[in-house]
Amino acid sequence: MHKQYISMFVAGAVLSLAGGVHAATSEALIEQGRDVFLNKSKGNCISCHQINDPGAKLAGHQGPPMVAMAQRFPDKRKLRAQIWDPTVKNPLTIMPPLGKHWILSEDQIDAVVEYIYQF
């Protein structure tokens, strides 16, 4: 019976640790997405989109602002697809297909999605 309690304790500790690792990974991914979004030599998203971030200097006004992203895109996959190739939904868009044209890597697109999804 004593072994059962120890096993339950260890299992709970492992689950707790895994949750902490996931949270740290998510924060790192968000920070990477922020770096890509705000960096004019990477994604250059900030040139067209406004975002409520203190580091966003001289944000653009061409594209839609990054507000209510979770409400606008309840399915993150649709937001990712929009970043990957916005010409699918709007062939006349001025937004470049960041994934299709390999402007951003898969990992960078995933990071940008996580970053802007919090707004």
Protein backbone atom coordinates (compact mmCIF):
# COMPACT_ATOMS: atom_id res chain seq x y z
CA MET A 1 0.00 0.00 0.00
CA HIS A 2 2.89 2.35 0.75
CA LYS A 3 4.31 1.77 -2.74
CA GLN A 4 1.00 2.84 -4.25
CA TYR A 5 1.19 6.26 -2.55
CA ILE A 6 4.78 6.72 -3.66
CA SER A 7 3.84 5.85 -7.24
CA MET A 8 0.98 8.34 -7.16
CA PHE A 9 3.30 11.03 -5.77
CA VAL A 10 5.94 10.39 -8.45
CA ALA A 11 3.32 10.40 -11.21
CA GLY A 12 1.93 13.71 -9.93
CA ALA A 13 5.41 15.24 -9.74
CA VAL A 14 6.19 14.15 -13.30
CA LEU A 15 2.91 15.63 -14.58
CA SER A 16 3.60 18.85 -12.70
CA LEU A 17 7.11 19.07 -14.13
CA ALA A 18 5.82 18.41 -17.65
CA GLY A 19 3.31 21.24 -17.28
CA GLY A 20 6.09 23.59 -16.18
CA VAL A 21 8.28 22.60 -19.11
CA HIS A 22 5.37 23.18 -21.51
CA ALA A 23 4.74 26.64 -20.04
CA ALA A 24 8.41 27.56 -20.36
CA THR A 25 8.45 26.26 -23.92
CA SER A 26 5.34 28.26 -24.78
CA GLU A 27 6.89 31.43 -23.34
CA ALA A 28 10.07 30.84 -25.35
CA LEU A 29 8.00 30.29 -28.50
CA ILE A 30 6.04 33.49 -27.87
CA GLU A 31 9.30 35.40 -27.37
CA GLN A 32 10.67 33.98 -30.61
CA GLY A 33 7.46 35.02 -32.39
CA ARG A 34 7.76 38.52 -30.93
CA ASP A 35 11.31 38.76 -32.24
CA VAL A 36 10.21 37.75 -35.74
CA PHE A 37 7.14 40.02 -35.72
CA LEU A 38 8.99 43.13 -34.54
CA ASN A 39 12.21 42.59 -36.48
CA LYS A 40 12.21 44.37 -39.82
CA SER A 41 14.92 42.07 -41.16
CA LYS A 42 12.93 38.91 -40.40
CA GLY A 43 9.16 38.78 -40.84
CA ASN A 44 8.75 42.54 -41.12
CA CYS A 45 5.17 42.10 -39.87
CA ILE A 46 5.42 45.35 -37.93
CA SER A 47 5.73 47.31 -41.16
CA CYS A 48 2.08 46.62 -41.97
CA HIS A 49 0.37 45.56 -38.74
CA GLN A 50 -0.31 47.40 -35.48
CA ILE A 51 0.11 45.43 -32.28
CA ASN A 52 -0.28 46.37 -28.62
CA ASP A 53 3.34 45.72 -27.67
CA PRO A 54 5.58 48.36 -26.05
CA GLY A 55 8.40 47.31 -28.39
CA ALA A 56 6.33 48.07 -31.50
CA LYS A 57 7.78 51.29 -32.81
CA LEU A 58 6.20 52.90 -35.87
CA ALA A 59 3.80 50.06 -36.60
CA GLY A 60 2.23 50.05 -40.03
CA HIS A 61 -1.34 50.75 -41.05
CA GLN A 62 -1.63 48.65 -44.22
CA GLY A 63 -2.79 45.38 -42.73
CA PRO A 64 -5.36 44.67 -40.05
CA PRO A 65 -4.32 45.36 -36.45
CA MET A 66 -3.41 42.39 -34.28
CA VAL A 67 -6.38 42.57 -31.91
CA ALA A 68 -8.87 39.93 -30.80
CA MET A 69 -6.88 37.27 -32.62
CA ALA A 70 -8.35 34.33 -30.70
CA GLN A 71 -11.86 35.59 -31.45
CA ARG A 72 -11.07 36.27 -35.10
CA PHE A 73 -9.28 32.94 -35.54
CA PRO A 74 -10.71 30.43 -33.04
CA ASP A 75 -8.84 27.74 -34.98
CA LYS A 76 -5.11 28.54 -34.87
CA ARG A 77 -4.59 26.42 -37.97
CA LYS A 78 -6.57 28.97 -40.00
CA LEU A 79 -4.43 31.80 -38.68
CA ARG A 80 -1.31 29.85 -39.55
CA ALA A 81 -2.65 29.15 -43.04
CA GLN A 82 -3.33 32.86 -43.48
CA ILE A 83 0.29 33.67 -42.64
CA TRP A 84 1.62 30.79 -44.73
CA ASP A 85 -0.24 31.93 -47.88
CA PRO A 86 -2.81 34.74 -47.64
CA THR A 87 -3.38 34.61 -51.40
CA VAL A 88 -5.51 31.49 -50.91
CA LYS A 89 -8.31 33.56 -49.34
CA ASN A 90 -7.53 36.82 -51.14
CA PRO A 91 -5.59 36.60 -54.41
CA LEU A 92 -5.26 40.40 -54.47
CA THR A 93 -3.74 40.77 -50.99
CA ILE A 94 -0.59 42.80 -50.58
CA MET A 95 0.61 40.47 -47.79
CA PRO A 96 3.40 38.23 -49.02
CA PRO A 97 2.97 34.47 -48.69
CA LEU A 98 5.53 34.16 -45.90
CA GLY A 99 5.64 30.38 -45.85
CA LYS A 100 4.96 29.56 -49.47
CA HIS A 101 7.83 31.81 -50.58
CA TRP A 102 10.09 30.68 -47.70
CA ILE A 103 10.36 34.18 -46.24
CA LEU A 104 9.83 32.59 -42.82
CA SER A 105 10.57 29.05 -41.72
CA GLU A 106 7.89 26.69 -40.42
CA ASP A 107 9.16 27.26 -36.87
CA GLN A 108 9.11 31.04 -37.27
CA ILE A 109 5.53 30.95 -38.53
CA ASP A 110 4.49 28.76 -35.59
CA ALA A 111 6.18 31.21 -33.22
CA VAL A 112 4.50 34.25 -34.79
CA VAL A 113 1.11 32.53 -34.49
CA GLU A 114 1.70 31.91 -30.78
CA TYR A 115 2.84 35.50 -30.26
CA ILE A 116 -0.03 37.27 -32.03
CA TYR A 117 -2.66 34.83 -30.70
CA GLN A 118 -2.30 36.36 -27.25
CA PHE A 119 -3.58 39.75 -28.50
